[in-house]
Protein backbone atom coordinates (compact mmCIF):
# COMPACT_ATOMS: atom_id res chain seq x y z
CA ALA A 1 0.00 0.00 0.00
CA GLY A 2 1.48 3.32 -1.07
CA THR A 3 2.81 5.00 -4.16
CA ALA A 4 5.60 3.75 -6.35
CA ALA A 5 9.00 5.40 -6.11
CA PRO A 6 9.71 7.95 -8.84
CA GLY A 7 11.76 6.78 -11.79
CA ALA A 8 15.27 7.94 -12.53
CA ALA A 9 15.67 11.33 -14.17
CA SER A 10 16.28 11.27 -17.89
CA GLY A 11 19.74 12.71 -18.56
CA ASP A 12 21.63 15.08 -16.34
CA GLY A 13 19.83 18.21 -17.52
CA GLY A 14 23.08 20.17 -17.76
CA GLY A 15 22.68 20.88 -21.46
CA ASP A 16 19.09 22.00 -21.02
CA THR A 17 20.07 24.42 -18.26
CA ALA A 18 22.89 25.94 -20.30
CA GLN A 19 20.57 26.39 -23.28
CA LEU A 20 17.91 27.99 -21.10
CA LEU A 21 20.45 30.43 -19.63
CA ARG A 22 21.61 31.42 -23.14
CA ARG A 23 18.04 32.01 -24.25
CA ILE A 24 17.28 34.12 -21.16
CA ALA A 25 20.41 36.22 -21.79
CA ALA A 26 19.32 36.77 -25.40
CA LEU A 27 15.85 37.84 -24.25
CA GLU A 28 17.36 40.26 -21.73
CA GLU A 29 19.43 41.85 -24.49
CA ARG A 30 16.40 42.19 -26.74
CA LEU A 31 14.35 43.71 -23.93
CA ALA A 32 17.10 46.21 -23.10
CA ALA A 33 17.26 47.24 -26.76
CA MET A 34 13.48 47.69 -26.90
CA GLU A 35 13.50 49.77 -23.71
CA ALA A 36 16.31 51.97 -25.03
CA ALA A 37 14.46 52.49 -28.31
CA SER A 38 11.20 53.42 -26.59
CA ALA A 39 13.00 55.83 -24.23
CA GLY A 40 14.49 57.61 -27.23
CA ALA A 41 11.10 57.84 -28.95
CA GLY A 42 9.34 59.74 -26.18
CA GLY A 43 9.20 56.73 -23.87
CA GLY A 44 6.62 56.03 -21.27
CA PRO A 45 3.15 54.63 -21.65
CA ALA A 46 0.43 56.33 -23.61
CA PRO A 47 -1.67 58.75 -21.56
CA ALA A 48 -4.73 57.17 -19.97
CA ASP A 49 -8.18 58.09 -21.20
CA ARG A 50 -9.67 60.02 -18.31
CA ARG A 51 -13.42 59.54 -18.14
CA ASN A 52 -15.86 60.48 -15.46
CA ARG A 53 -18.72 58.31 -14.23
CA ARG A 54 -20.96 59.34 -17.13
CA GLY A 55 -18.36 58.32 -19.70
CA ARG A 56 -17.36 61.85 -20.62
CA VAL A 57 -13.71 62.65 -21.12
CA ARG A 58 -12.37 64.97 -18.41
CA PRO A 59 -10.02 67.79 -19.35
CA ASP A 60 -6.46 67.37 -18.13
CA GLY A 61 -5.31 69.48 -15.26
């Protein structure tokens, strides 16, 4: 009565970890480039649409 013991792991996983780390590094570089490009193009998020309870747009200020 009880559960069976888990099977042995397939492979050592070292290659998978190294590949994952390389892919994460590449993504970080791409993200940094995108952030730098958006900062140079005015940066920041688009202004929010300010509406009151009746759905009318409020003036800024």
